[in-house]
N, C-alpha and C. Protein backbone atom coordinates (compact mmCIF):
# COMPACT_ATOMS: atom_id res chain seq x y z
N UNK A 1 7.18 29.12 -7.96
CA UNK A 1 7.10 27.93 -7.32
C UNK A 1 5.77 27.56 -6.72
N UNK A 2 5.56 27.04 -8.20
CA UNK A 2 3.62 26.46 -8.10
C UNK A 2 4.63 24.85 -8.34
N UNK A 3 5.14 25.05 -9.05
CA UNK A 3 5.94 23.87 -9.26
C UNK A 3 6.94 23.20 -7.75
N UNK A 4 7.15 23.96 -6.93
CA UNK A 4 7.38 23.10 -5.43
C UNK A 4 6.20 22.80 -4.74
N UNK A 5 5.35 23.65 -4.73
CA UNK A 5 4.53 22.74 -4.11
C UNK A 5 3.85 21.39 -4.18
N UNK A 6 4.10 20.80 -5.51
CA UNK A 6 3.31 20.25 -6.28
C UNK A 6 4.93 18.63 -6.26
N UNK A 7 5.57 19.27 -5.60
CA UNK A 7 6.71 18.93 -5.19
C UNK A 7 7.11 17.86 -4.06
N UNK A 8 6.30 18.75 -3.01
CA UNK A 8 6.35 19.47 -2.24
C UNK A 8 4.97 18.66 -1.31
N UNK A 9 4.25 17.82 -1.90
CA UNK A 9 2.64 17.18 -1.95
C UNK A 9 3.12 16.16 -1.89
N UNK A 10 3.67 15.74 -3.20
CA UNK A 10 4.18 14.59 -3.59
C UNK A 10 5.10 13.68 -2.71
N UNK A 11 6.16 15.00 -2.35
CA UNK A 11 7.29 14.84 -0.53
C UNK A 11 5.58 13.59 0.17
N UNK A 12 5.43 15.09 0.51
CA UNK A 12 4.44 14.99 1.77
C UNK A 12 3.78 13.38 1.58
N UNK A 13 3.05 13.04 1.00
CA UNK A 13 1.95 11.53 0.46
C UNK A 13 2.58 10.78 0.17
N UNK A 14 4.21 10.36 0.01
CA UNK A 14 5.76 9.07 0.23
C UNK A 14 5.98 9.59 2.20
N UNK A 15 5.95 10.49 2.35
CA UNK A 15 6.44 10.76 3.35
C UNK A 15 5.39 9.36 4.82
N UNK A 16 4.60 10.34 4.39
CA UNK A 16 3.00 9.67 5.56
C UNK A 16 2.48 8.23 5.05
N UNK A 17 3.87 7.49 3.55
CA UNK A 17 3.00 5.85 2.81
C UNK A 17 3.84 5.43 4.14
N UNK A 18 2.67 3.67 5.00
CA UNK A 18 2.99 3.52 5.57
C UNK A 18 2.91 3.33 6.74
N UNK A 19 2.50 4.52 7.27
CA UNK A 19 3.23 4.89 8.63
C UNK A 19 1.98 5.83 8.76
N UNK A 20 1.17 5.77 9.81
CA UNK A 20 -0.49 6.31 10.01
C UNK A 20 0.22 7.35 11.08
N UNK A 21 0.94 7.80 11.61
CA UNK A 21 2.18 8.44 12.12
C UNK A 21 2.38 9.56 12.21
N UNK A 22 2.67 9.45 11.08
CA UNK A 22 3.70 9.97 10.56
C UNK A 22 3.03 11.73 9.85
N UNK A 23 3.96 12.63 10.51
CA UNK A 23 3.21 14.28 10.07
C UNK A 23 3.06 14.22 8.97
N UNK A 24 4.32 14.18 8.06
CA UNK A 24 4.43 14.34 6.52
C UNK A 24 5.54 15.01 6.48
N UNK A 25 6.18 15.47 7.53
CA UNK A 25 6.95 16.28 7.59
C UNK A 25 8.86 15.86 7.35
N UNK A 26 8.52 14.29 7.67
CA UNK A 26 10.22 13.64 7.58
C UNK A 26 9.52 12.27 6.60
N UNK A 27 10.88 11.75 5.86
CA UNK A 27 10.75 10.91 5.46
C UNK A 27 11.80 10.02 5.67
N UNK A 28 11.66 8.76 5.86
CA UNK A 28 12.23 7.46 6.12
C UNK A 28 13.34 7.04 5.45
N UNK A 29 14.48 6.73 5.18
CA UNK A 29 14.96 5.85 3.70
C UNK A 29 14.34 4.89 2.89
N UNK A 30 13.77 4.46 3.47
CA UNK A 30 12.25 3.34 2.28
C UNK A 30 11.14 3.80 1.85
N UNK A 31 10.91 4.86 2.14
CA UNK A 31 9.88 6.31 2.03
C UNK A 31 10.38 6.97 0.29
N UNK A 32 12.05 6.97 1.26
CA UNK A 32 12.58 7.74 -0.09
C UNK A 32 13.01 7.44 -1.20
N UNK A 33 13.91 6.09 -0.57
CA UNK A 33 13.41 4.83 -2.36
C UNK A 33 12.72 4.79 -2.69
N UNK A 34 11.72 4.33 -1.58
CA UNK A 34 9.65 4.06 -3.25
C UNK A 34 10.10 5.25 -3.53
N UNK A 35 9.81 7.06 -3.54
CA UNK A 35 9.69 7.69 -4.52
C UNK A 35 10.55 8.27 -5.10
N UNK A 36 11.80 7.40 -5.06
CA UNK A 36 13.13 7.67 -6.22
C UNK A 36 12.82 6.02 -7.13
N UNK A 37 11.90 5.09 -6.70
CA UNK A 37 11.85 3.88 -7.52
C UNK A 37 10.41 4.59 -7.84
N UNK A 38 9.95 4.81 -7.85
CA UNK A 38 8.81 5.23 -8.01
C UNK A 38 7.83 6.08 -9.03
N UNK A 39 8.82 7.20 -9.06
CA UNK A 39 8.90 8.76 -9.20
C UNK A 39 10.17 8.40 -11.31
N UNK A 40 10.21 7.12 -11.17
CA UNK A 40 11.82 7.13 -12.29
C UNK A 40 13.18 7.54 -12.55
N UNK A 41 12.99 8.61 -10.97
CA UNK A 41 14.62 8.95 -10.77
C UNK A 41 15.39 7.94 -10.90
N UNK A 42 15.39 6.36 -9.68
CA UNK A 42 16.17 5.61 -10.06
C UNK A 42 16.06 4.28 -11.16
N UNK A 43 17.21 4.71 -12.17
CA UNK A 43 16.68 3.71 -13.19
C UNK A 43 16.77 2.54 -12.81
N UNK A 44 17.89 2.50 -12.36
CA UNK A 44 19.25 1.06 -12.04
C UNK A 44 19.77 0.64 -12.92
N UNK A 45 20.42 2.25 -13.87
CA UNK A 45 21.81 2.38 -13.67
C UNK A 45 22.15 3.32 -13.92
N UNK A 46 22.06 4.17 -14.13
CA UNK A 46 22.58 6.09 -14.08
C UNK A 46 22.58 5.77 -12.50
N UNK A 47 21.35 5.48 -11.61
CA UNK A 47 21.54 5.92 -9.89
C UNK A 47 20.02 4.73 -9.74
N UNK A 48 20.80 3.70 -8.87
CA UNK A 48 20.52 2.62 -8.02
C UNK A 48 20.05 2.31 -7.63
N UNK A 49 19.49 1.68 -6.37
CA UNK A 49 18.90 1.94 -4.64
C UNK A 49 20.82 2.50 -4.66
N UNK A 50 21.75 1.45 -5.06
CA UNK A 50 22.59 2.14 -3.66
C UNK A 50 22.94 3.34 -3.82
N UNK A 51 22.76 4.23 -4.62
CA UNK A 51 22.81 5.55 -4.50
C UNK A 51 22.40 6.15 -4.14
N UNK A 52 21.21 5.55 -3.90
CA UNK A 52 20.20 6.19 -3.27
C UNK A 52 19.52 6.77 -2.08
N UNK A 53 20.15 5.14 -0.76
CA UNK A 53 20.78 5.00 -0.53
C UNK A 53 22.09 6.05 0.52
N UNK A 54 23.29 5.92 -0.74
CA UNK A 54 24.07 6.79 -0.07
C UNK A 54 23.62 8.49 -0.10
N UNK A 55 23.11 9.01 -0.85
CA UNK A 55 22.24 10.39 -1.09
C UNK A 55 22.11 10.73 -0.18
N UNK A 56 20.56 9.42 0.85
CA UNK A 56 19.42 9.90 2.40
C UNK A 56 21.01 9.54 3.16
N UNK A 57 21.62 8.95 3.03
CA UNK A 57 22.09 9.26 4.50
C UNK A 57 23.89 10.28 4.47
N UNK A 58 23.65 11.04 3.29
CA UNK A 58 24.52 12.08 3.82
C UNK A 58 24.39 13.15 3.42
N UNK A 59 22.82 13.49 3.03
CA UNK A 59 21.85 14.66 2.91
C UNK A 59 21.18 15.28 4.56
N UNK A 60 20.70 13.46 5.34
CA UNK A 60 20.19 14.25 6.90
C UNK A 60 20.55 13.62 7.92
N UNK A 61 20.13 14.93 9.07
CA UNK A 61 20.70 14.68 9.52
C UNK A 61 22.11 14.15 10.95
N UNK A 62 22.89 14.09 11.13
CA UNK A 62 23.89 12.92 12.13
C UNK A 62 22.94 12.33 12.83
N UNK A 63 22.28 10.95 13.00
CA UNK A 63 22.29 10.41 14.11
C UNK A 63 20.66 10.54 14.00
N UNK A 64 20.30 10.95 12.90
CA UNK A 64 18.25 11.22 12.38
C UNK A 64 18.06 10.26 11.61
N UNK A 65 16.75 9.31 11.50
CA UNK A 65 16.45 8.60 10.70
C UNK A 65 16.09 9.23 9.75
N UNK A 66 15.61 10.17 9.62
CA UNK A 66 14.15 10.67 8.49
C UNK A 66 14.95 11.93 7.60
N UNK A 67 14.45 12.09 6.55
CA UNK A 67 14.95 13.90 6.00
C UNK A 67 13.48 14.48 5.91
N UNK A 68 14.32 16.12 6.08
CA UNK A 68 12.89 16.91 6.07
C UNK A 68 13.19 17.68 4.53
N UNK A 69 12.01 18.64 4.22
CA UNK A 69 11.77 18.48 2.81
C UNK A 69 12.89 19.11 1.88
N UNK A 70 13.58 20.41 3.64
CA UNK A 70 14.91 21.35 3.17
C UNK A 70 16.46 19.98 2.71
N UNK A 71 16.42 19.35 3.37
CA UNK A 71 17.78 17.89 2.51
C UNK A 71 16.54 17.21 1.96
N UNK A 72 15.32 16.71 1.26
CA UNK A 72 14.96 15.99 0.20
C UNK A 72 15.55 17.33 -0.68
N UNK A 73 15.31 18.41 -1.03
CA UNK A 73 15.76 18.55 -1.84
C UNK A 73 17.26 18.78 -2.71
N UNK A 74 18.16 18.47 -0.82
CA UNK A 74 19.21 18.54 -1.09
C UNK A 74 19.73 17.15 -1.80
N UNK A 75 18.98 16.24 -2.13
CA UNK A 75 19.14 14.97 -2.64
C UNK A 75 18.91 14.71 -3.26
N UNK A 76 18.00 16.13 -4.00
CA UNK A 76 17.41 15.91 -5.27
C UNK A 76 18.51 16.77 -5.88
N UNK A 77 18.98 17.67 -5.62
CA UNK A 77 20.44 18.43 -6.22
C UNK A 77 21.26 16.90 -6.60
N UNK A 78 22.16 15.92 -5.31
CA UNK A 78 23.09 15.24 -5.17
C UNK A 78 22.27 13.97 -6.88
N UNK A 79 21.36 13.85 -7.03
CA UNK A 79 21.11 12.96 -7.39
C UNK A 79 20.64 13.55 -9.26
N UNK A 80 20.21 14.88 -9.95
CA UNK A 80 19.46 14.23 -10.39
C UNK A 80 21.24 14.96 -11.22
N UNK A 81 21.75 14.85 -10.61
CA UNK A 81 23.17 15.49 -11.74
C UNK A 81 23.91 13.90 -12.15
N UNK A 82 23.17 13.02 -11.84
CA UNK A 82 23.46 11.57 -11.88
C UNK A 82 22.46 11.14 -13.21
N UNK A 83 21.59 11.33 -13.15
CA UNK A 83 20.44 10.29 -13.64
C UNK A 83 20.48 11.80 -14.58
N UNK A 84 20.84 12.70 -15.08
CA UNK A 84 20.63 13.66 -16.02
C UNK A 84 21.62 13.89 -16.80
N UNK A 85 22.37 13.04 -17.10
CA UNK A 85 24.41 13.87 -16.98
C UNK A 85 23.90 14.70 -18.59
N UNK A 86 25.35 16.08 -18.86
CA UNK A 86 24.82 16.16 -20.16
C UNK A 86 23.62 17.43 -19.85
N UNK A 87 23.12 17.54 -18.75
CA UNK A 87 22.38 19.09 -18.61
C UNK A 87 22.63 19.25 -17.44
N UNK A 88 22.78 21.21 -17.32
CA UNK A 88 23.09 21.64 -16.34
C UNK A 88 22.46 21.27 -14.48
N UNK A 89 23.12 21.71 -13.90
CA UNK A 89 22.52 21.00 -12.59
C UNK A 89 20.86 22.23 -12.99
N UNK A 90 21.01 23.08 -13.40
CA UNK A 90 19.66 23.85 -12.42
C UNK A 90 18.35 22.44 -13.66
N UNK A 91 19.01 22.68 -15.11
CA UNK A 91 18.17 21.64 -15.54
C UNK A 91 17.53 20.48 -14.96
N UNK A 92 18.61 19.59 -14.58
CA UNK A 92 18.90 17.89 -14.71
C UNK A 92 17.79 18.10 -12.72
N UNK A 93 17.82 18.77 -12.19
CA UNK A 93 16.76 19.02 -10.81
C UNK A 93 15.69 20.10 -11.72
N UNK A 94 14.86 20.20 -12.52
CA UNK A 94 14.07 20.66 -13.28
C UNK A 94 13.62 19.18 -13.40
N UNK A 95 14.22 18.77 -14.21
CA UNK A 95 13.73 17.35 -14.94
C UNK A 95 13.02 16.24 -13.66
N UNK A 96 14.61 16.59 -13.08
CA UNK A 96 13.45 15.73 -12.40
C UNK A 96 12.85 16.08 -10.97
N UNK A 97 12.24 16.95 -10.51
CA UNK A 97 11.52 17.73 -9.86
C UNK A 97 9.73 17.36 -11.42
N UNK A 98 10.02 17.35 -12.01
CA UNK A 98 9.33 16.98 -13.71
C UNK A 98 8.87 15.58 -13.43
N UNK A 99 9.75 14.73 -12.68
CA UNK A 99 8.97 13.37 -12.61
C UNK A 99 8.59 12.96 -11.83
N UNK A 100 8.72 13.61 -10.61
CA UNK A 100 8.12 13.89 -8.78
C UNK A 100 6.64 14.27 -9.23
N UNK A 101 6.76 15.71 -9.39
CA UNK A 101 5.40 16.17 -9.24
C UNK A 101 3.98 15.49 -9.66
N UNK A 102 2.93 16.07 -9.00
CA UNK A 102 1.62 15.11 -8.35
C UNK A 102 2.18 13.96 -8.59
N UNK A 103 2.37 13.16 -8.05
CA UNK A 103 3.12 11.78 -8.39
C UNK A 103 2.52 10.91 -6.49
N UNK A 104 2.14 10.34 -6.50
CA UNK A 104 2.02 9.02 -4.64
C UNK A 104 1.96 8.07 -4.78
N UNK A 105 2.46 7.68 -3.74
CA UNK A 105 2.57 5.65 -3.95
C UNK A 105 1.75 5.05 -3.78
N UNK A 106 2.57 4.79 -5.54
CA UNK A 106 1.09 3.66 -5.71
C UNK A 106 0.74 2.94 -4.51
N UNK A 107 -0.48 1.77 -5.22
CA UNK A 107 -1.49 1.20 -4.16
C UNK A 107 -0.88 1.08 -3.33
N UNK A 108 -1.52 2.13 -3.23
CA UNK A 108 -1.85 2.49 -1.04
C UNK A 108 -2.85 1.33 -0.31
N UNK A 109 -2.05 0.68 0.68
CA UNK A 109 -3.04 -0.40 1.45
C UNK A 109 -3.93 -1.00 0.55
N UNK A 110 -3.61 -1.36 -0.59
CA UNK A 110 -4.26 -1.94 -1.36
C UNK A 110 -3.46 -3.71 -1.74
N UNK A 111 -4.08 -4.88 -1.04
CA UNK A 111 -3.56 -5.64 -1.77
C UNK A 111 -5.01 -6.81 -2.22
N UNK A 112 -4.45 -7.10 -3.60
CA UNK A 112 -5.04 -7.26 -4.02
C UNK A 112 -5.24 -9.19 -3.92
N UNK A 113 -6.32 -9.79 -4.74
CA UNK A 113 -6.44 -11.53 -3.63
C UNK A 113 -5.27 -11.75 -4.56
N UNK A 114 -5.32 -12.83 -4.46
CA UNK A 114 -4.65 -14.11 -5.09
C UNK A 114 -5.06 -15.06 -6.34
N UNK A 115 -5.57 -15.47 -7.79
CA UNK A 115 -6.81 -15.90 -8.14
C UNK A 115 -5.70 -17.29 -8.71
N UNK A 116 -4.24 -16.81 -8.25
CA UNK A 116 -3.62 -18.50 -9.60
C UNK A 116 -3.59 -19.92 -9.49
N UNK A 117 -3.76 -20.33 -9.74
CA UNK A 117 -3.65 -22.11 -9.97
C UNK A 117 -5.84 -22.81 -9.25
N UNK A 118 -5.18 -23.35 -8.06
CA UNK A 118 -6.49 -23.49 -7.23
C UNK A 118 -6.98 -23.22 -6.52
N UNK A 119 -6.50 -21.25 -6.30
CA UNK A 119 -7.66 -20.11 -5.16
C UNK A 119 -8.64 -20.18 -5.21
N UNK A 120 -8.55 -19.88 -6.98
CA UNK A 120 -10.20 -19.54 -7.46
C UNK A 120 -10.63 -20.51 -7.19
N UNK A 121 -10.73 -22.02 -7.56
CA UNK A 121 -12.18 -22.66 -7.20
C UNK A 121 -12.18 -23.18 -5.95
N UNK A 122 -10.57 -22.88 -5.10
CA UNK A 122 -11.30 -22.98 -3.61
C UNK A 122 -11.66 -21.67 -2.77
N UNK A 123 -12.18 -20.71 -3.29
CA UNK A 123 -12.19 -19.31 -2.74
C UNK A 123 -13.62 -19.73 -3.37
N UNK A 124 -13.84 -20.14 -4.34
CA UNK A 124 -15.43 -19.81 -5.22
C UNK A 124 -16.51 -20.89 -3.81
N UNK A 125 -17.83 -20.05 -3.46
CA UNK A 125 -18.28 -20.10 -2.73
C UNK A 125 -19.43 -21.22 -2.92
N UNK A 126 -19.32 -21.21 -4.42
CA UNK A 126 -20.99 -21.56 -4.96
C UNK A 126 -20.15 -23.24 -5.53
N UNK A 127 -19.12 -23.59 -5.14
CA UNK A 127 -19.39 -24.76 -5.29
C UNK A 127 -18.94 -25.67 -4.42
N UNK A 128 -19.11 -24.50 -3.22
CA UNK A 128 -19.42 -26.00 -2.19
C UNK A 128 -20.63 -26.40 -1.43
N UNK A 129 -20.16 -27.35 -0.76
CA UNK A 129 -21.71 -28.36 -0.93
C UNK A 129 -21.66 -29.02 0.84
N UNK A 130 -22.74 -30.20 0.49
CA UNK A 130 -22.94 -30.65 2.41
C UNK A 130 -22.89 -28.99 3.08
N UNK A 131 -22.63 -29.29 4.48
CA UNK A 131 -22.33 -28.41 5.53
C UNK A 131 -22.69 -26.91 5.02
N UNK A 132 -20.93 -27.96 4.39
CA UNK A 132 -19.97 -26.45 4.45
C UNK A 132 -21.08 -25.22 3.70
N UNK A 133 -21.24 -25.47 2.67
CA UNK A 133 -22.08 -24.29 1.72
C UNK A 133 -23.59 -23.56 2.73
N UNK A 134 -24.32 -24.16 3.42
CA UNK A 134 -24.34 -23.69 5.15
C UNK A 134 -24.31 -22.48 5.09
N UNK A 135 -23.05 -22.08 5.52
CA UNK A 135 -21.81 -21.24 6.04
C UNK A 135 -22.07 -19.47 5.48
N UNK A 136 -22.16 -19.92 3.54
CA UNK A 136 -22.50 -18.99 2.53
C UNK A 136 -23.96 -18.53 2.17
N UNK A 137 -24.22 -17.10 2.21
CA UNK A 137 -25.52 -16.68 1.74
C UNK A 137 -25.45 -16.62 -0.24
N UNK A 138 -26.31 -16.11 -0.13
CA UNK A 138 -26.54 -16.59 -1.98
C UNK A 138 -25.75 -15.66 -3.09
N UNK A 139 -25.19 -14.43 -2.00
CA UNK A 139 -24.45 -13.84 -3.12
C UNK A 139 -22.71 -14.49 -2.58
N UNK A 140 -22.39 -15.46 -1.00
CA UNK A 140 -20.84 -16.47 -1.51
C UNK A 140 -20.61 -14.99 0.26
N UNK A 141 -21.06 -14.31 0.27
CA UNK A 141 -20.82 -13.84 1.74
C UNK A 141 -20.79 -14.85 2.74
N UNK A 142 -19.90 -15.25 3.75
CA UNK A 142 -20.04 -15.70 5.15
C UNK A 142 -21.47 -15.13 5.62
N UNK A 143 -21.85 -16.21 6.69
CA UNK A 143 -22.91 -15.76 7.43
C UNK A 143 -22.54 -15.90 9.21
N UNK A 144 -21.03 -15.83 9.11
CA UNK A 144 -20.77 -15.59 10.48
C UNK A 144 -20.99 -16.82 11.46
N UNK A 145 -21.09 -16.34 12.19
CA UNK A 145 -21.11 -17.55 13.82
C UNK A 145 -22.18 -17.65 12.87
N UNK A 146 -23.27 -17.75 12.78
CA UNK A 146 -24.70 -18.05 12.31
C UNK A 146 -24.57 -18.83 11.51
N UNK A 147 -23.59 -19.38 10.69
CA UNK A 147 -23.64 -20.32 9.37
C UNK A 147 -23.08 -21.20 10.24
N UNK A 148 -21.77 -21.21 11.32
CA UNK A 148 -20.87 -21.71 11.89
C UNK A 148 -21.30 -22.88 12.89
N UNK A 149 -22.33 -22.76 13.55
CA UNK A 149 -22.80 -23.20 14.42
C UNK A 149 -23.84 -24.56 14.74
N UNK A 150 -23.94 -25.25 15.12
CA UNK A 150 -26.26 -25.27 15.51
C UNK A 150 -27.14 -24.48 15.91
N UNK A 151 -27.83 -23.68 15.78
CA UNK A 151 -28.24 -23.67 17.02
C UNK A 151 -29.46 -24.24 17.30
N UNK A 152 -28.72 -24.02 19.12
CA UNK A 152 -29.72 -24.27 19.21
C UNK A 152 -31.37 -24.25 19.34
N UNK A 153 -31.95 -25.55 19.30
CA UNK A 153 -33.42 -25.31 19.25
C UNK A 153 -34.31 -25.53 20.90
N UNK A 154 -34.71 -24.51 21.02
CA UNK A 154 -35.01 -24.39 22.73
C UNK A 154 -36.88 -24.76 22.18
N UNK A 155 -37.51 -25.20 21.57
CA UNK A 155 -38.54 -25.53 21.84
C UNK A 155 -39.37 -27.02 22.92
N UNK A 156 -39.04 -26.94 23.03
CA UNK A 156 -38.37 -28.38 23.89
C UNK A 156 -39.65 -29.66 23.13
N UNK A 157 -39.09 -29.17 21.48
CA UNK A 157 -40.06 -30.88 20.61
C UNK A 157 -38.29 -31.28 20.74
N UNK A 158 -38.58 -32.93 20.04
CA UNK A 158 -37.44 -33.56 19.61
C UNK A 158 -36.93 -33.30 18.54
N UNK A 159 -35.63 -32.69 17.73
CA UNK A 159 -34.76 -32.55 16.72
C UNK A 159 -35.68 -33.12 15.07
N UNK A 160 -36.03 -33.86 15.85
CA UNK A 160 -37.18 -34.41 13.68
C UNK A 160 -38.36 -34.59 13.87
N UNK A 161 -38.81 -34.03 15.24
CA UNK A 161 -40.48 -33.80 14.78
C UNK A 161 -41.09 -33.76 14.46
N UNK A 162 -41.61 -33.65 13.28
CA UNK A 162 -43.17 -33.00 12.16
C UNK A 162 -43.99 -32.77 12.75
N UNK A 163 -44.67 -32.86 14.27
CA UNK A 163 -46.04 -32.42 14.05
C UNK A 163 -45.63 -31.15 15.42
N UNK A 164 -44.60 -30.77 15.35
CA UNK A 164 -44.04 -29.88 16.70
C UNK A 164 -45.42 -28.77 16.16
N UNK A 165 -46.06 -27.94 17.70
CA UNK A 165 -46.40 -26.98 17.59
C UNK A 165 -48.40 -27.33 17.49
N UNK A 166 -48.80 -29.13 17.25
CA UNK A 166 -50.20 -29.46 17.27
C UNK A 166 -50.51 -29.43 18.53
N UNK A 167 -49.97 -29.73 19.39
CA UNK A 167 -51.13 -29.56 20.75
C UNK A 167 -51.84 -29.03 21.32
N UNK A 168 -52.89 -29.44 21.28
CA UNK A 168 -53.70 -27.69 22.40
C UNK A 168 -53.16 -27.49 23.67
């Protein structure tokens, strides 16, 4: 039954993917199809996204928007015969679970910055000149407000006066 806990673990990880309020006990159709796609259950030939959606709607409780782990296992029983034709239902099911166990959703909350074409040159702060380069420190990090505004000098001297502080 250690295999089952591996699969259940993966189920929970995908169930909470992209939903901060999710408990991990129920999975939405979107996350179900994401899981099928990323674990290789959906291969685009024997099992398509349409198949996955149909099976999802077949196993879920009428009127519900999510499936629990038991319904998920039922869905896998439906899909495994399609995905592994010619294997016995039991073998096919184990093969599908083999694809799923230990998997997690890819790219969790990580959006990679694009560096295509001119974007790299535009975002390279070392190439900035004039007043714009004042907005960044040496490492290229923005200075925030301090770099954006001319901070007022309330010393009482005129802007370009060189002899500030020399008067007794």
